[in-house]
Amino acid sequence: MDATPVMNSPKPVISAGPVASSSAPRRRRALAPLEPVSARARWLLGLGFFVLFVVVWAFFTLGGFVSPTFLASPITMVKEGVLLFTQYNFIHDIGMTVWRVFGGFVLATVIAVPLGIAMGTWKSVEAFFEPFVSFCRYLPASAFIPLLILWAGIGEAQKLLVIFIGSVFQITLMVAVTVGSARRDLVEAAYTLGANSRGIVMRVLIPGAAPGIAETLRLVLGWAWTYVIVAELIGSSSGIGHMITDSQALLNTGQIIFGIIVIGVIGLISDFAFKALNRRLFAWSAL
């Protein structure tokens, strides 16, 4: 009887290579250029930098490497901050500074946005205003303080005008660039559908530029916070800048640092609020 050979089936080979190295591509993707990160990772990374900053600050100040005269420790800064709120009515200073920032910024917005839209829409208007606006954009707002004191005194008008001058020319040019960069195919399509010049401005240019204008206002609002401190350093009896000046005369670096941090926190909150409002108003622009 013939014996039929029996073929042995090959044994499957199990490789642990792909499983073991699955984390490597993930790490490479996380470090890839322009690779997005999750919202949770973004918050953790941002918070991690602040924690690292405070740790380094505490190491040099509490470790005795830096004199308290030049740099207060985080603990001293917190104590001075509590003292400011409980004994020196610091909440009033914060309110005055916020009022000055938003007052001057709103005045600048009311004038700059329509002017910027006109410059971006009509080239003749741009040719008339652009040289002067560009010239004024390079002038520091602090240079106008002596003149503004002569014209408006040392009251609230002078401080509002400093912020106004520091913001209005920046907003005007940035809005003009945003409006002027509208897509020409959309404009031609609107003309083809029978739109007139007014319709082009109201239905195409302004809606298309609205997200960019809102982002411009968010950026310039951050610059306005730098101008208000300059305005409050001279001839002011209230405000965060006034408190910082008084603390500098007393060599109280704890209060100086606390005032700077308060400005940063308020600015960060306003920036987040502006971003959230822009996302809500112009959700379609992210599509």
Protein backbone atom coordinates (compact mmCIF):
# COMPACT_ATOMS: atom_id res chain seq x y z
CA MET A 1 0.00 0.00 0.00
CA ASP A 2 1.35 3.34 -1.04
CA ALA A 3 1.93 5.78 1.77
CA THR A 4 0.71 9.28 1.14
CA PRO A 5 3.17 11.82 2.39
CA VAL A 6 1.78 14.14 5.01
CA MET A 7 2.66 17.80 4.54
CA ASN A 8 3.39 19.67 7.72
CA SER A 9 1.61 23.06 7.75
CA PRO A 10 3.94 25.94 8.58
CA LYS A 11 3.58 27.42 12.04
CA PRO A 12 2.45 31.02 12.14
CA VAL A 13 5.15 33.42 13.17
CA ILE A 14 4.01 36.06 15.64
CA SER A 15 6.00 39.24 15.56
CA ALA A 16 5.92 41.73 18.38
CA GLY A 17 7.61 44.37 16.31
CA PRO A 18 4.60 46.46 15.22
CA VAL A 19 3.02 46.28 18.67
CA ALA A 20 6.19 47.24 20.45
CA SER A 21 6.95 50.11 18.11
CA SER A 22 3.40 51.52 17.86
CA SER A 23 4.26 54.29 20.29
CA ALA A 24 7.21 55.47 18.20
CA PRO A 25 5.12 56.66 15.22
CA ARG A 26 2.78 58.37 17.68
CA ARG A 27 5.67 60.27 19.21
CA ARG A 28 6.96 61.18 15.77
CA ARG A 29 3.52 62.47 14.77
CA ALA A 30 3.34 64.62 17.91
CA LEU A 31 6.62 66.32 16.95
CA ALA A 32 5.77 66.68 13.26
CA PRO A 33 5.55 70.24 11.90
CA LEU A 34 2.02 71.73 12.01
CA GLU A 35 0.64 68.60 13.66
CA PRO A 36 -2.37 69.64 15.78
CA VAL A 37 -2.65 68.75 19.45
CA SER A 38 -5.75 68.01 21.46
CA ALA A 39 -7.42 70.66 23.60
CA ARG A 40 -6.45 68.77 26.76
CA ALA A 41 -2.79 68.57 25.73
CA ARG A 42 -2.79 72.27 24.85
CA TRP A 43 -4.08 73.20 28.31
CA LEU A 44 -1.62 70.91 30.05
CA LEU A 45 1.35 72.21 28.07
CA GLY A 46 0.37 75.83 28.65
CA LEU A 47 -0.15 75.26 32.36
CA GLY A 48 3.11 73.34 32.54
CA PHE A 49 5.11 76.34 31.37
CA PHE A 50 3.58 78.56 34.06
CA VAL A 51 4.38 75.97 36.72
CA LEU A 52 7.97 75.70 35.46
CA PHE A 53 8.31 79.48 35.46
CA VAL A 54 7.15 79.77 39.08
CA VAL A 55 9.43 76.92 40.15
CA VAL A 56 12.48 78.60 38.61
CA TRP A 57 11.44 81.95 40.09
CA ALA A 58 11.06 80.40 43.56
CA PHE A 59 14.38 78.58 43.26
CA PHE A 60 16.37 81.75 42.63
CA THR A 61 14.53 83.97 45.13
CA LEU A 62 13.89 81.58 48.02
CA GLY A 63 17.33 80.02 47.52
CA GLY A 64 19.00 83.37 48.16
CA PHE A 65 20.52 83.74 44.69
CA VAL A 66 18.70 87.07 44.11
CA SER A 67 18.29 89.88 46.63
CA PRO A 68 14.64 90.56 47.68
CA THR A 69 15.29 94.24 46.94
CA PHE A 70 15.52 93.44 43.24
CA LEU A 71 13.14 90.51 42.96
CA ALA A 72 10.54 89.37 45.49
CA SER A 73 9.75 85.69 45.93
CA PRO A 74 6.38 84.24 44.87
CA ILE A 75 5.33 83.97 48.52
CA THR A 76 6.15 87.63 49.18
CA MET A 77 4.35 88.64 46.01
CA VAL A 78 1.17 86.85 47.11
CA LYS A 79 1.31 88.46 50.56
CA GLU A 80 1.73 91.91 49.02
CA GLY A 81 -1.19 91.21 46.68
CA VAL A 82 -3.46 90.34 49.60
CA LEU A 83 -2.32 93.53 51.32
CA LEU A 84 -3.17 95.59 48.25
CA PHE A 85 -6.74 94.28 48.16
CA THR A 86 -7.40 94.43 51.89
CA GLN A 87 -5.77 97.75 52.82
CA TYR A 88 -5.13 99.81 49.69
CA ASN A 89 -8.39 99.42 47.70
CA PHE A 90 -6.59 97.85 44.74
CA ILE A 91 -9.90 96.77 43.21
CA HIS A 92 -10.59 100.47 42.50
CA ASP A 93 -7.26 100.76 40.67
CA ILE A 94 -8.11 97.71 38.58
CA GLY A 95 -11.51 99.14 37.69
CA MET A 96 -10.02 102.47 36.62
CA THR A 97 -7.41 100.80 34.42
CA VAL A 98 -9.98 98.53 32.75
CA TRP A 99 -12.25 101.52 32.10
CA ARG A 100 -9.39 103.47 30.49
CA VAL A 101 -8.34 100.57 28.28
CA PHE A 102 -11.79 99.79 26.96
CA GLY A 103 -12.81 103.45 26.74
CA GLY A 104 -9.85 104.43 24.57
CA PHE A 105 -10.07 101.20 22.58
CA VAL A 106 -13.78 101.68 21.79
CA LEU A 107 -13.15 105.27 20.67
CA ALA A 108 -10.38 104.04 18.37
CA THR A 109 -12.56 101.24 17.00
CA VAL A 110 -15.49 103.54 16.20
CA ILE A 111 -13.25 105.71 14.01
CA ALA A 112 -10.70 103.21 12.69
CA VAL A 113 -12.98 100.41 11.47
CA PRO A 114 -15.13 102.53 9.10
CA LEU A 115 -12.05 104.39 7.87
CA GLY A 116 -10.20 101.12 7.31
CA ILE A 117 -13.15 99.66 5.41
CA ALA A 118 -13.27 102.76 3.20
CA MET A 119 -9.52 102.58 2.53
CA GLY A 120 -9.70 98.91 1.67
CA THR A 121 -12.72 99.38 -0.60
CA TRP A 122 -11.88 102.53 -2.57
CA LYS A 123 -8.31 102.95 -3.76
CA SER A 124 -8.70 106.74 -4.02
CA VAL A 125 -9.52 106.90 -0.30
CA GLU A 126 -6.54 104.68 0.42
CA ALA A 127 -4.24 106.92 -1.62
CA PHE A 128 -5.46 109.96 0.33
CA PHE A 129 -5.20 108.57 3.88
CA GLU A 130 -2.58 105.81 3.74
CA PRO A 131 0.60 107.96 3.77
CA PHE A 132 -0.55 109.94 6.82
CA VAL A 133 -1.84 106.86 8.69
CA SER A 134 1.37 104.96 7.98
CA PHE A 135 3.41 107.93 9.21
CA CYS A 136 1.43 108.17 12.46
CA ARG A 137 1.58 104.42 13.01
CA TYR A 138 5.31 104.65 13.73
CA LEU A 139 4.95 107.43 16.29
CA PRO A 140 5.03 106.08 19.87
CA ALA A 141 1.94 106.97 21.87
CA SER A 142 4.10 107.99 24.83
CA ALA A 143 5.61 110.81 22.74
CA PHE A 144 2.22 112.54 22.71
CA ILE A 145 1.85 112.62 26.51
CA PRO A 146 3.43 116.10 27.03
CA LEU A 147 1.16 117.57 24.35
CA LEU A 148 -1.90 115.75 25.65
CA ILE A 149 -1.26 117.06 29.17
CA LEU A 150 -1.17 120.59 27.74
CA TRP A 151 -4.33 120.04 25.71
CA ALA A 152 -6.43 117.85 28.04
CA GLY A 153 -4.78 118.17 31.45
CA ILE A 154 -3.96 115.16 33.62
CA GLY A 155 -7.50 113.85 33.93
CA GLU A 156 -9.20 110.90 32.27
CA ALA A 157 -9.33 112.52 28.83
CA GLN A 158 -5.53 112.51 28.57
CA LYS A 159 -5.30 108.81 29.40
CA LEU A 160 -8.08 107.87 26.98
CA LEU A 161 -6.38 109.84 24.23
CA VAL A 162 -3.06 108.04 24.77
CA ILE A 163 -4.78 104.69 24.25
CA PHE A 164 -6.77 106.10 21.34
CA ILE A 165 -3.63 107.33 19.55
CA GLY A 166 -1.81 104.08 20.20
CA SER A 167 -4.66 102.01 18.74
CA VAL A 168 -6.46 103.95 16.02
CA PHE A 169 -3.73 103.96 13.35
CA GLN A 170 -2.90 100.28 13.86
CA ILE A 171 -6.55 99.25 13.53
CA THR A 172 -7.08 101.44 10.46
CA LEU A 173 -4.24 99.95 8.43
CA MET A 174 -4.90 96.34 9.47
CA VAL A 175 -8.61 96.64 8.62
CA ALA A 176 -7.76 98.24 5.26
CA VAL A 177 -5.44 95.36 4.40
CA THR A 178 -8.07 92.80 5.44
CA VAL A 179 -10.83 94.38 3.36
CA GLY A 180 -8.55 95.00 0.38
CA SER A 181 -7.50 91.35 0.21
CA ALA A 182 -11.04 90.19 -0.64
CA ARG A 183 -11.33 87.48 -3.28
CA ARG A 184 -11.80 89.04 -6.69
CA ASP A 185 -13.80 86.08 -7.99
CA LEU A 186 -16.48 86.71 -5.36
CA VAL A 187 -16.66 90.37 -6.34
CA GLU A 188 -16.97 89.50 -10.04
CA ALA A 189 -19.61 86.90 -9.26
CA ALA A 190 -21.63 89.48 -7.33
CA TYR A 191 -21.43 91.91 -10.26
CA THR A 192 -22.56 89.11 -12.59
CA LEU A 193 -25.59 88.52 -10.38
CA GLY A 194 -26.55 92.19 -10.67
CA ALA A 195 -25.09 93.72 -7.49
CA ASN A 196 -24.25 97.41 -7.46
CA SER A 197 -21.34 99.10 -5.66
CA ARG A 198 -23.27 99.38 -2.41
CA GLY A 199 -24.22 95.73 -2.59
CA ILE A 200 -20.60 94.73 -3.18
CA VAL A 201 -19.53 96.56 -0.01
CA MET A 202 -22.41 95.43 2.21
CA ARG A 203 -22.88 91.87 0.91
CA VAL A 204 -19.37 90.80 -0.12
CA LEU A 205 -16.52 92.90 1.27
CA ILE A 206 -17.69 93.55 4.83
CA PRO A 207 -19.07 90.03 5.55
CA GLY A 208 -15.97 88.44 4.03
CA ALA A 209 -13.61 90.65 6.04
CA ALA A 210 -15.59 90.51 9.31
CA PRO A 211 -13.64 87.56 10.85
CA GLY A 212 -10.33 89.23 10.00
CA ILE A 213 -11.51 92.57 11.41
CA ALA A 214 -12.56 90.87 14.64
CA GLU A 215 -9.15 89.20 14.91
CA THR A 216 -7.47 92.57 14.32
CA LEU A 217 -9.45 94.10 17.17
CA ARG A 218 -8.44 91.24 19.45
CA LEU A 219 -4.75 91.78 18.70
CA VAL A 220 -4.84 95.56 19.09
CA LEU A 221 -6.72 95.27 22.39
CA GLY A 222 -3.62 93.52 23.73
CA TRP A 223 -1.48 96.45 22.59
CA ALA A 224 -3.86 98.89 24.33
CA TRP A 225 -2.91 97.37 27.67
CA THR A 226 0.68 98.47 27.14
CA TYR A 227 -0.40 102.03 26.38
CA VAL A 228 -2.53 102.41 29.52
CA ILE A 229 0.42 101.76 31.82
CA VAL A 230 2.39 104.48 30.04
CA ALA A 231 -0.58 106.83 30.42
CA GLU A 232 -0.88 106.09 34.15
CA LEU A 233 2.79 106.59 34.93
CA ILE A 234 2.46 110.39 34.62
CA GLY A 235 -0.05 112.56 36.45
CA SER A 236 -2.26 109.75 37.69
CA SER A 237 -3.74 109.20 41.15
CA SER A 238 -5.32 105.81 40.44
CA GLY A 239 -4.86 102.74 38.30
CA ILE A 240 -2.50 99.80 38.19
CA GLY A 241 0.25 101.89 36.60
CA HIS A 242 -0.03 104.43 39.42
CA MET A 243 0.29 101.64 41.98
CA ILE A 244 3.37 100.27 40.22
CA THR A 245 4.98 103.71 40.23
CA ASP A 246 4.36 104.18 43.96
CA SER A 247 5.70 100.69 44.68
CA GLN A 248 8.84 101.41 42.69
CA ALA A 249 9.52 104.47 44.84
CA LEU A 250 9.28 102.24 47.93
CA LEU A 251 11.39 99.44 46.36
CA ASN A 252 8.44 97.08 46.90
CA THR A 253 9.07 94.58 44.11
CA GLY A 254 6.37 92.28 45.44
CA GLN A 255 3.64 94.81 44.65
CA ILE A 256 5.24 95.68 41.32
CA ILE A 257 5.25 92.04 40.22
CA PHE A 258 1.71 91.53 41.50
CA GLY A 259 0.47 94.52 39.47
CA ILE A 260 2.19 93.21 36.35
CA ILE A 261 0.63 89.77 36.86
CA VAL A 262 -2.83 91.27 37.36
CA ILE A 263 -2.49 93.11 34.04
CA GLY A 264 -1.49 89.85 32.34
CA VAL A 265 -4.39 87.93 33.87
CA ILE A 266 -6.98 90.54 32.89
CA GLY A 267 -5.52 90.73 29.39
CA LEU A 268 -5.57 86.95 29.07
CA ILE A 269 -9.21 86.79 30.20
CA SER A 270 -10.22 89.48 27.70
CA ASP A 271 -8.30 87.67 24.96
CA PHE A 272 -10.08 84.37 25.68
CA ALA A 273 -13.44 86.19 25.76
CA PHE A 274 -12.67 87.83 22.41
CA LYS A 275 -11.73 84.47 20.90
CA ALA A 276 -14.90 82.82 22.18
CA LEU A 277 -17.03 85.67 20.83
CA ASN A 278 -15.32 85.51 17.43
CA ARG A 279 -15.86 81.73 17.22
CA ARG A 280 -19.53 82.21 18.05
CA LEU A 281 -20.13 85.07 15.62
CA PHE A 282 -18.04 83.71 12.75
CA ALA A 283 -18.24 79.96 13.14
CA TRP A 284 -18.63 79.64 9.37
CA SER A 285 -15.15 81.12 8.79
CA ALA A 286 -13.49 78.01 10.24
CA LEU A 287 -15.14 75.74 7.70
